[in-house]
PDB file of N, CA and C in Angstrom:
ATOM      1  N   MET A   1       0.849  -1.190   0.000  1.00  0.00           N
ATOM      2  CA  MET A   1       0.000   0.000   0.000  1.00  0.00           C
ATOM      3  C   MET A   1       0.884   1.239   0.000  1.00  0.00           C
ATOM      4  N   SER A   2       0.386   2.306  -0.527  1.00  0.00           N
ATOM      5  CA  SER A   2       1.163   3.545  -0.598  1.00  0.00           C
ATOM      6  C   SER A   2       1.263   4.194   0.780  1.00  0.00           C
ATOM      7  N   SER A   3       2.169   5.152   0.902  1.00  0.00           N
ATOM      8  CA  SER A   3       2.344   5.832   2.182  1.00  0.00           C
ATOM      9  C   SER A   3       1.124   6.687   2.493  1.00  0.00           C
ATOM     10  N   ARG A   4       0.996   7.091   3.737  1.00  0.00           N
ATOM     11  CA  ARG A   4      -0.171   7.872   4.162  1.00  0.00           C
ATOM     12  C   ARG A   4      -0.303   9.176   3.390  1.00  0.00           C
ATOM     13  N   ALA A   5       0.797   9.815   3.093  1.00  0.00           N
ATOM     14  CA  ALA A   5       0.760  11.092   2.387  1.00  0.00           C
ATOM     15  C   ALA A   5       0.257  10.929   0.959  1.00  0.00           C
ATOM     16  N   GLU A   6       0.392   9.730   0.411  1.00  0.00           N
ATOM     17  CA  GLU A   6      -0.005   9.507  -0.980  1.00  0.00           C
ATOM     18  C   GLU A   6      -1.426   8.978  -1.126  1.00  0.00           C
ATOM     19  N   ARG A   7      -2.089   8.649  -0.050  1.00  0.00           N
ATOM     20  CA  ARG A   7      -3.448   8.101  -0.133  1.00  0.00           C
ATOM     21  C   ARG A   7      -4.443   9.196  -0.490  1.00  0.00           C
ATOM     22  N   THR A   8      -5.400   8.816  -1.324  1.00  0.00           N
ATOM     23  CA  THR A   8      -6.500   9.744  -1.624  1.00  0.00           C
ATOM     24  C   THR A   8      -7.499   9.696  -0.475  1.00  0.00           C
ATOM     25  N   LEU A   9      -8.393  10.653  -0.430  1.00  0.00           N
ATOM     26  CA  LEU A   9      -9.435  10.650   0.595  1.00  0.00           C
ATOM     27  C   LEU A   9     -10.307   9.399   0.488  1.00  0.00           C
ATOM     28  N   GLU A  10     -10.565   8.959  -0.714  1.00  0.00           N
ATOM     29  CA  GLU A  10     -11.356   7.738  -0.919  1.00  0.00           C
ATOM     30  C   GLU A  10     -10.629   6.525  -0.344  1.00  0.00           C
ATOM     31  N   GLN A  11      -9.324   6.459  -0.528  1.00  0.00           N
ATOM     32  CA  GLN A  11      -8.551   5.342   0.025  1.00  0.00           C
ATOM     33  C   GLN A  11      -8.551   5.387   1.550  1.00  0.00           C
ATOM     34  N   VAL A  12      -8.443   6.573   2.117  1.00  0.00           N
ATOM     35  CA  VAL A  12      -8.484   6.719   3.573  1.00  0.00           C
ATOM     36  C   VAL A  12      -9.852   6.286   4.096  1.00  0.00           C
ATOM     37  N   ARG A  13     -10.921   6.709   3.423  1.00  0.00           N
ATOM     38  CA  ARG A  13     -12.275   6.332   3.815  1.00  0.00           C
ATOM     39  C   ARG A  13     -12.448   4.826   3.770  1.00  0.00           C
ATOM     40  N   GLU A  14     -12.026   4.220   2.688  1.00  0.00           N
ATOM     41  CA  GLU A  14     -12.176   2.770   2.521  1.00  0.00           C
ATOM     42  C   GLU A  14     -11.365   2.000   3.570  1.00  0.00           C
ATOM     43  N   THR A  15     -10.144   2.444   3.823  1.00  0.00           N
ATOM     44  CA  THR A  15      -9.309   1.795   4.836  1.00  0.00           C
ATOM     45  C   THR A  15      -9.961   1.910   6.213  1.00  0.00           C
ATOM     46  N   GLY A  16     -10.495   3.068   6.517  1.00  0.00           N
ATOM     47  CA  GLY A  16     -11.157   3.281   7.798  1.00  0.00           C
ATOM     48  C   GLY A  16     -12.398   2.418   7.968  1.00  0.00           C
ATOM     49  N   ILE A  17     -13.226   2.353   6.932  1.00  0.00           N
ATOM     50  CA  ILE A  17     -14.436   1.522   6.971  1.00  0.00           C
ATOM     51  C   ILE A  17     -14.055   0.063   7.173  1.00  0.00           C
ATOM     52  N   ASN A  18     -13.037  -0.395   6.448  1.00  0.00           N
ATOM     53  CA  ASN A  18     -12.595  -1.785   6.581  1.00  0.00           C
ATOM     54  C   ASN A  18     -12.079  -2.069   7.987  1.00  0.00           C
ATOM     55  N   ALA A  19     -11.332  -1.127   8.562  1.00  0.00           N
ATOM     56  CA  ALA A  19     -10.803  -1.309   9.914  1.00  0.00           C
ATOM     57  C   ALA A  19     -11.947  -1.367  10.933  1.00  0.00           C
ATOM     58  N   LEU A  20     -12.936  -0.484  10.779  1.00  0.00           N
ATOM     59  CA  LEU A  20     -14.086  -0.506  11.674  1.00  0.00           C
ATOM     60  C   LEU A  20     -14.865  -1.814  11.552  1.00  0.00           C
ATOM     61  N   ALA A  21     -15.091  -2.251  10.329  1.00  0.00           N
ATOM     62  CA  ALA A  21     -15.834  -3.493  10.109  1.00  0.00           C
ATOM     63  C   ALA A  21     -15.096  -4.678  10.727  1.00  0.00           C
ATOM     64  N   GLU A  22     -13.787  -4.696  10.601  1.00  0.00           N
ATOM     65  CA  GLU A  22     -13.000  -5.794  11.165  1.00  0.00           C
ATOM     66  C   GLU A  22     -13.013  -5.745  12.696  1.00  0.00           C
ATOM     67  N   ALA A  23     -12.889  -4.561  13.261  1.00  0.00           N
ATOM     68  CA  ALA A  23     -12.816  -4.424  14.714  1.00  0.00           C
ATOM     69  C   ALA A  23     -14.185  -4.579  15.388  1.00  0.00           C
ATOM     70  N   LEU A  24     -15.232  -4.080  14.749  1.00  0.00           N
ATOM     71  CA  LEU A  24     -16.546  -4.033  15.389  1.00  0.00           C
ATOM     72  C   LEU A  24     -17.557  -5.016  14.808  1.00  0.00           C
ATOM     73  N   GLY A  25     -17.321  -5.473  13.601  1.00  0.00           N
ATOM     74  CA  GLY A  25     -18.339  -6.247  12.897  1.00  0.00           C
ATOM     75  C   GLY A  25     -19.255  -5.279  12.167  1.00  0.00           C
ATOM     76  N   PRO A  26     -19.934  -5.754  11.137  1.00  0.00           N
ATOM     77  CA  PRO A  26     -20.748  -4.864  10.300  1.00  0.00           C
ATOM     78  C   PRO A  26     -21.848  -4.116  11.062  1.00  0.00           C
ATOM     79  N   SER A  27     -22.558  -4.799  11.955  1.00  0.00           N
ATOM     80  CA  SER A  27     -23.673  -4.172  12.657  1.00  0.00           C
ATOM     81  C   SER A  27     -23.199  -3.057  13.584  1.00  0.00           C
ATOM     82  N   ASP A  28     -22.205  -3.345  14.414  1.00  0.00           N
ATOM     83  CA  ASP A  28     -21.711  -2.314  15.325  1.00  0.00           C
ATOM     84  C   ASP A  28     -20.967  -1.208  14.586  1.00  0.00           C
ATOM     85  N   MET A  29     -20.377  -1.530  13.434  1.00  0.00           N
ATOM     86  CA  MET A  29     -19.740  -0.493  12.625  1.00  0.00           C
ATOM     87  C   MET A  29     -20.793   0.528  12.196  1.00  0.00           C
ATOM     88  N   LEU A  30     -21.940   0.048  11.724  1.00  0.00           N
ATOM     89  CA  LEU A  30     -23.007   0.959  11.303  1.00  0.00           C
ATOM     90  C   LEU A  30     -23.533   1.769  12.481  1.00  0.00           C
ATOM     91  N   ARG A  31     -23.687   1.135  13.623  1.00  0.00           N
ATOM     92  CA  ARG A  31     -24.139   1.850  14.817  1.00  0.00           C
ATOM     93  C   ARG A  31     -23.150   2.950  15.189  1.00  0.00           C
ATOM     94  N   PHE A  32     -21.854   2.649  15.102  1.00  0.00           N
ATOM     95  CA  PHE A  32     -20.827   3.644  15.410  1.00  0.00           C
ATOM     96  C   PHE A  32     -20.910   4.815  14.433  1.00  0.00           C
ATOM     97  N   LEU A  33     -21.042   4.521  13.153  1.00  0.00           N
ATOM     98  CA  LEU A  33     -21.106   5.585  12.151  1.00  0.00           C
ATOM     99  C   LEU A  33     -22.340   6.464  12.366  1.00  0.00           C
ATOM    100  N   GLN A  34     -23.440   5.874  12.831  1.00  0.00           N
ATOM    101  CA  GLN A  34     -24.641   6.665  13.106  1.00  0.00           C
ATOM    102  C   GLN A  34     -24.397   7.635  14.259  1.00  0.00           C
ATOM    103  N   LEU A  35     -23.551   7.254  15.200  1.00  0.00           N
ATOM    104  CA  LEU A  35     -23.226   8.156  16.305  1.00  0.00           C
ATOM    105  C   LEU A  35     -22.521   9.419  15.827  1.00  0.00           C
ATOM    106  N   LEU A  36     -21.810   9.314  14.718  1.00  0.00           N
ATOM    107  CA  LEU A  36     -21.046  10.441  14.201  1.00  0.00           C
ATOM    108  C   LEU A  36     -21.892  11.422  13.403  1.00  0.00           C
ATOM    109  N   SER A  37     -23.104  11.025  13.045  1.00  0.00           N
ATOM    110  CA  SER A  37     -23.965  11.869  12.239  1.00  0.00           C
ATOM    111  C   SER A  37     -24.602  12.951  13.096  1.00  0.00           C
ATOM    112  N   ASN A  38     -24.490  14.190  12.663  1.00  0.00           N
ATOM    113  CA  ASN A  38     -25.089  15.309  13.378  1.00  0.00           C
ATOM    114  C   ASN A  38     -26.550  15.531  13.019  1.00  0.00           C
ATOM    115  N   GLY A  39     -26.999  14.903  11.957  1.00  0.00           N
ATOM    116  CA  GLY A  39     -28.351  15.160  11.505  1.00  0.00           C
ATOM    117  C   GLY A  39     -28.430  16.523  10.851  1.00  0.00           C
ATOM    118  N   SER A  40     -29.626  17.018  10.682  1.00  0.00           N
ATOM    119  CA  SER A  40     -29.777  18.330  10.052  1.00  0.00           C
ATOM    120  C   SER A  40     -31.012  19.017  10.612  1.00  0.00           C
ATOM    121  N   GLY A  41     -31.104  20.294  10.387  1.00  0.00           N
ATOM    122  CA  GLY A  41     -32.251  21.057  10.823  1.00  0.00           C
ATOM    123  C   GLY A  41     -32.097  21.576  12.232  1.00  0.00           C
ATOM    124  N   ASP A  42     -33.122  22.241  12.695  1.00  0.00           N
ATOM    125  CA  ASP A  42     -33.159  22.828  14.030  1.00  0.00           C
ATOM    126  C   ASP A  42     -34.311  22.180  14.788  1.00  0.00           C
ATOM    127  N   TYR A  43     -33.986  21.134  15.568  1.00  0.00           N
ATOM    128  CA  TYR A  43     -35.004  20.371  16.272  1.00  0.00           C
ATOM    129  C   TYR A  43     -35.859  21.262  17.167  1.00  0.00           C
ATOM    130  N   THR A  44     -35.226  22.164  17.891  1.00  0.00           N
ATOM    131  CA  THR A  44     -35.952  23.010  18.833  1.00  0.00           C
ATOM    132  C   THR A  44     -36.975  23.874  18.103  1.00  0.00           C
ATOM    133  N   GLU A  45     -36.579  24.475  17.003  1.00  0.00           N
ATOM    134  CA  GLU A  45     -37.504  25.328  16.248  1.00  0.00           C
ATOM    135  C   GLU A  45     -38.614  24.494  15.613  1.00  0.00           C
ATOM    136  N   GLU A  46     -38.263  23.327  15.054  1.00  0.00           N
ATOM    137  CA  GLU A  46     -39.281  22.465  14.451  1.00  0.00           C
ATOM    138  C   GLU A  46     -40.293  22.014  15.495  1.00  0.00           C
ATOM    139  N   ARG A  47     -39.821  21.676  16.669  1.00  0.00           N
ATOM    140  CA  ARG A  47     -40.713  21.246  17.753  1.00  0.00           C
ATOM    141  C   ARG A  47     -41.604  22.401  18.190  1.00  0.00           C
ATOM    142  N   ARG A  48     -41.051  23.586  18.279  1.00  0.00           N
ATOM    143  CA  ARG A  48     -41.830  24.768  18.674  1.00  0.00           C
ATOM    144  C   ARG A  48     -42.965  25.011  17.677  1.00  0.00           C
ATOM    145  N   ILE A  49     -42.668  24.875  16.387  1.00  0.00           N
ATOM    146  CA  ILE A  49     -43.686  25.083  15.352  1.00  0.00           C
ATOM    147  C   ILE A  49     -44.735  23.986  15.416  1.00  0.00           C
ATOM    148  N   THR A  50     -44.302  22.754  15.559  1.00  0.00           N
ATOM    149  CA  THR A  50     -45.211  21.612  15.578  1.00  0.00           C
ATOM    150  C   THR A  50     -46.154  21.653  16.774  1.00  0.00           C
ATOM    151  N   LEU A  51     -45.646  22.056  17.906  1.00  0.00           N
ATOM    152  CA  LEU A  51     -46.431  22.008  19.140  1.00  0.00           C
ATOM    153  C   LEU A  51     -46.958  23.364  19.594  1.00  0.00           C
ATOM    154  N   LYS A  52     -46.877  24.375  18.740  1.00  0.00           N
ATOM    155  CA  LYS A  52     -47.130  25.745  19.182  1.00  0.00           C
ATOM    156  C   LYS A  52     -48.503  25.972  19.797  1.00  0.00           C
ATOM    157  N   ASP A  53     -49.543  25.353  19.279  1.00  0.00           N
ATOM    158  CA  ASP A  53     -50.883  25.653  19.780  1.00  0.00           C
ATOM    159  C   ASP A  53     -51.505  24.524  20.580  1.00  0.00           C
ATOM    160  N   GLY A  54     -50.778  23.449  20.792  1.00  0.00           N
ATOM    161  CA  GLY A  54     -51.400  22.299  21.432  1.00  0.00           C
ATOM    162  C   GLY A  54     -51.110  22.201  22.916  1.00  0.00           C
ATOM    163  N   SER A  55     -52.176  21.926  23.670  1.00  0.00           N
ATOM    164  CA  SER A  55     -51.993  21.624  25.087  1.00  0.00           C
ATOM    165  C   SER A  55     -51.622  20.149  25.196  1.00  0.00           C
ATOM    166  N   VAL A  56     -51.181  19.751  26.355  1.00  0.00           N
ATOM    167  CA  VAL A  56     -50.840  18.348  26.569  1.00  0.00           C
ATOM    168  C   VAL A  56     -52.063  17.476  26.324  1.00  0.00           C
ATOM    169  N   ARG A  57     -53.202  17.902  26.808  1.00  0.00           N
ATOM    170  CA  ARG A  57     -54.442  17.140  26.626  1.00  0.00           C
ATOM    171  C   ARG A  57     -54.763  16.969  25.137  1.00  0.00           C
ATOM    172  N   GLU A  58     -54.612  18.046  24.362  1.00  0.00           N
ATOM    173  CA  GLU A  58     -54.889  17.966  22.918  1.00  0.00           C
ATOM    174  C   GLU A  58     -53.916  17.016  22.226  1.00  0.00           C
ATOM    175  N   LEU A  59     -52.675  17.050  22.651  1.00  0.00           N
ATOM    176  CA  LEU A  59     -51.691  16.146  22.060  1.00  0.00           C
ATOM    177  C   LEU A  59     -52.016  14.689  22.362  1.00  0.00           C
ATOM    178  N   VAL A  60     -52.393  14.402  23.598  1.00  0.00           N
ATOM    179  CA  VAL A  60     -52.761  13.036  23.975  1.00  0.00           C
ATOM    180  C   VAL A  60     -53.973  12.589  23.172  1.00  0.00           C
ATOM    181  N   GLU A  61     -54.966  13.452  23.040  1.00  0.00           N
ATOM    182  CA  GLU A  61     -56.156  13.116  22.256  1.00  0.00           C
ATOM    183  C   GLU A  61     -55.795  12.816  20.805  1.00  0.00           C
ATOM    184  N   GLU A  62     -54.906  13.611  20.229  1.00  0.00           N
ATOM    185  CA  GLU A  62     -54.485  13.388  18.846  1.00  0.00           C
ATOM    186  C   GLU A  62     -53.748  12.053  18.711  1.00  0.00           C
ATOM    187  N   ILE A  63     -52.881  11.737  19.643  1.00  0.00           N
ATOM    188  CA  ILE A  63     -52.159  10.462  19.610  1.00  0.00           C
ATOM    189  C   ILE A  63     -53.137   9.295  19.695  1.00  0.00           C
ATOM    190  N   LEU A  64     -54.084   9.377  20.631  1.00  0.00           N
ATOM    191  CA  LEU A  64     -55.051   8.297  20.784  1.00  0.00           C
ATOM    192  C   LEU A  64     -55.919   8.142  19.539  1.00  0.00           C
ATOM    193  N   LYS A  65     -56.308   9.265  18.942  1.00  0.00           N
ATOM    194  CA  LYS A  65     -57.112   9.220  17.722  1.00  0.00           C
ATOM    195  C   LYS A  65     -56.339   8.546  16.588  1.00  0.00           C
ATOM    196  N   ARG A  66     -55.065   8.907  16.433  1.00  0.00           N
ATOM    197  CA  ARG A  66     -54.252   8.297  15.375  1.00  0.00           C
ATOM    198  C   ARG A  66     -54.046   6.805  15.619  1.00  0.00           C
ATOM    199  N   ARG A  67     -53.806   6.438  16.875  1.00  0.00           N
ATOM    200  CA  ARG A  67     -53.639   5.015  17.195  1.00  0.00           C
ATOM    201  C   ARG A  67     -54.913   4.243  16.869  1.00  0.00           C
ATOM    202  N   HIS A  68     -56.045   4.832  17.222  1.00  0.00           N
ATOM    203  CA  HIS A  68     -57.318   4.174  16.940  1.00  0.00           C
ATOM    204  C   HIS A  68     -57.519   4.010  15.429  1.00  0.00           C
ATOM    205  N   ASN A  69     -57.225   5.062  14.670  1.00  0.00           N
ATOM    206  CA  ASN A  69     -57.373   4.999  13.212  1.00  0.00           C
ATOM    207  C   ASN A  69     -56.450   3.951  12.610  1.00  0.00           C
ATOM    208  N   GLU A  70     -55.235   3.852  13.112  1.00  0.00           N
ATOM    209  CA  GLU A  70     -54.285   2.865  12.603  1.00  0.00           C
ATOM    210  C   GLU A  70     -54.719   1.450  12.935  1.00  0.00           C
ATOM    211  N   SER A  71     -55.255   1.257  14.138  1.00  0.00           N
ATOM    212  CA  SER A  71     -55.650  -0.102  14.540  1.00  0.00           C
ATOM    213  C   SER A  71     -56.933  -0.546  13.861  1.00  0.00           C
ATOM    214  N   SER A  72     -57.768   0.394  13.439  1.00  0.00           N
ATOM    215  CA  SER A  72     -59.021   0.023  12.789  1.00  0.00           C
ATOM    216  C   SER A  72     -58.918   0.008  11.264  1.00  0.00           C
ATOM    217  N   ALA A  73     -57.776   0.414  10.736  1.00  0.00           N
ATOM    218  CA  ALA A  73     -57.588   0.405   9.281  1.00  0.00           C
ATOM    219  C   ALA A  73     -57.421  -1.021   8.799  1.00  0.00           C
ATOM    220  N   PRO A  74     -57.966  -1.341   7.627  1.00  0.00           N
ATOM    221  CA  PRO A  74     -57.789  -2.697   7.098  1.00  0.00           C
ATOM    222  C   PRO A  74     -56.309  -2.955   6.801  1.00  0.00           C
ATOM    223  N   PRO A  75     -55.865  -4.185   6.969  1.00  0.00           N
ATOM    224  CA  PRO A  75     -54.458  -4.478   6.694  1.00  0.00           C
ATOM    225  C   PRO A  75     -54.144  -4.260   5.223  1.00  0.00           C
ATOM    226  N   THR A  76     -52.951  -3.767   4.976  1.00  0.00           N
ATOM    227  CA  THR A  76     -52.528  -3.565   3.594  1.00  0.00           C
ATOM    228  C   THR A  76     -51.837  -4.810   3.109  1.00  0.00           C
ATOM    229  N   THR A  77     -51.974  -5.076   1.824  1.00  0.00           N
ATOM    230  CA  THR A  77     -51.322  -6.235   1.231  1.00  0.00           C
ATOM    231  C   THR A  77     -50.366  -5.769   0.176  1.00  0.00           C
ATOM    232  N   ALA A  78     -49.252  -6.468   0.070  1.00  0.00           N
ATOM    233  CA  ALA A  78     -48.250  -6.130  -0.941  1.00  0.00           C
ATOM    234  C   ALA A  78     -48.740  -6.586  -2.291  1.00  0.00           C
ATOM    235  N   THR A  79     -48.530  -5.742  -3.269  1.00  0.00           N
ATOM    236  CA  THR A  79     -48.883  -6.111  -4.638  1.00  0.00           C
ATOM    237  C   THR A  79     -47.619  -6.184  -5.464  1.00  0.00           C
ATOM    238  N   THR A  80     -47.624  -7.093  -6.399  1.00  0.00           N
ATOM    239  CA  THR A  80     -46.451  -7.229  -7.276  1.00  0.00           C
ATOM    240  C   THR A  80     -46.753  -6.837  -8.671  1.00  0.00           C
TER     241      THR A  80
END
């Protein structure tokens, strides 16, 4: 393999992924990589907009209504 200074970013990425997979196994490697993700957006602002006019009671009622609608909906079948 070439020296560290000569590796491309893609080679560094691939070497790192391979090292993680070997050390952690595929499942834990993916879990580790998910920890590094910052996500996107502004959770606090999105939550403020989503919940701006609802009381706790209204939110509970909405959750119960949605659960009821989901449980009473006919099962969906896969089509090919």
